[in-house]
Protein backbone atom coordinates (compact mmCIF):
# COMPACT_ATOMS: atom_id res chain seq x y z
CA MET A 1 -16.39 11.44 -19.08
CA GLY A 2 -19.32 11.32 -16.85
CA ARG A 3 -19.27 11.56 -13.07
CA VAL A 4 -16.05 10.35 -11.44
CA ASP A 5 -16.75 7.59 -8.78
CA ASP A 6 -15.14 7.79 -5.44
CA ARG A 7 -12.79 4.72 -6.10
CA THR A 8 -11.40 6.73 -9.06
CA LEU A 9 -10.90 9.82 -7.04
CA GLU A 10 -9.26 7.83 -4.23
CA ALA A 11 -6.87 6.26 -6.83
CA LEU A 12 -6.05 9.66 -8.16
CA ARG A 13 -5.30 10.94 -4.61
CA ASP A 14 -3.14 7.89 -4.01
CA GLY A 15 -1.27 8.13 -7.24
CA LYS A 16 -2.62 4.86 -8.50
CA LEU A 17 -3.94 5.89 -11.87
CA ALA A 18 -2.20 5.57 -15.19
CA ALA A 19 -0.98 8.86 -16.85
CA THR A 20 -3.78 8.80 -19.35
CA GLN A 21 -6.40 8.22 -16.54
CA VAL A 22 -4.94 11.19 -14.49
CA ARG A 23 -5.14 13.44 -17.40
CA GLU A 24 -8.78 12.57 -18.18
CA VAL A 25 -9.81 12.79 -14.52
CA ARG A 26 -8.07 16.16 -14.14
CA GLU A 27 -9.69 17.56 -17.20
CA HIS A 28 -13.09 16.46 -15.79
CA LEU A 29 -12.40 17.91 -12.44
CA GLY A 30 -11.66 21.20 -14.28
CA ARG A 31 -15.13 21.21 -15.73
CA CYS A 32 -17.24 19.49 -12.96
CA ALA A 33 -17.70 21.36 -9.76
CA GLU A 34 -19.30 18.44 -8.08
CA CYS A 35 -16.67 15.89 -8.78
CA ARG A 36 -14.04 18.66 -7.76
CA ARG A 37 -15.82 19.10 -4.43
CA ARG A 38 -16.01 15.40 -3.80
CA ALA A 39 -12.21 15.11 -4.73
CA LEU A 40 -11.34 17.77 -2.32
CA ALA A 41 -13.53 16.28 0.43
CA LEU A 42 -11.68 13.01 -0.07
CA ALA A 43 -8.23 14.61 0.14
CA SER A 44 -9.23 16.69 3.24
CA GLU A 45 -10.44 13.32 4.84
CA ALA A 46 -7.06 11.80 4.09
CA LYS A 47 -5.28 14.79 5.59
CA ARG A 48 -7.32 14.48 8.72
CA MET A 49 -6.47 10.69 9.07
CA LEU A 50 -2.72 11.50 8.61
CA ASP A 51 -2.96 14.19 11.21
CA LEU A 52 -4.55 11.75 13.65
CA GLU A 53 -1.88 8.89 13.00
CA PRO A 54 0.58 9.84 15.60
CA ARG A 55 -2.25 9.40 18.19
CA TYR A 56 -3.04 5.87 17.20
CA PRO A 57 -0.36 4.18 19.10
CA VAL A 58 -1.49 5.98 22.29
CA MET A 59 -4.99 5.21 21.61
CA ALA A 60 -4.16 1.56 20.94
CA ARG A 61 -2.19 1.25 24.24
CA GLN A 62 -5.21 2.78 26.04
CA ILE A 63 -7.62 0.46 24.45
CA GLU A 64 -5.26 -2.52 25.14
CA ARG A 65 -4.95 -1.52 28.86
CA TRP A 66 -8.83 -1.11 29.13
CA ILE A 67 -9.35 -4.61 27.74
CA VAL A 68 -6.77 -6.18 30.03
CA GLU A 69 -8.38 -4.32 33.00
CA ARG A 70 -11.89 -5.51 31.98
CA SER A 71 -10.69 -9.07 31.36
CA GLY A 72 -9.20 -9.19 34.90
CA GLU A 73 -12.51 -7.89 36.44
CA ALA A 74 -14.29 -10.64 34.59
CA ARG A 75 -12.24 -13.34 36.12
CA GLN A 76 -12.82 -12.20 39.65
């Protein structure tokens, strides 16, 4: 197996690969430091997004309020 593309690494992370693909990719990651580094970076990015998720509703309300306030100013 050559270099593993990001789409495949994301599918591995998300549990969307067939068992044979999982085995092949994991074997490759055991031998290839570059792909292993990219896989870890993708996993880290996903974790950061999950850690931020609880903030999204607050941010969405703040953005919505800002838009409403600005649209009111535009009508005046």
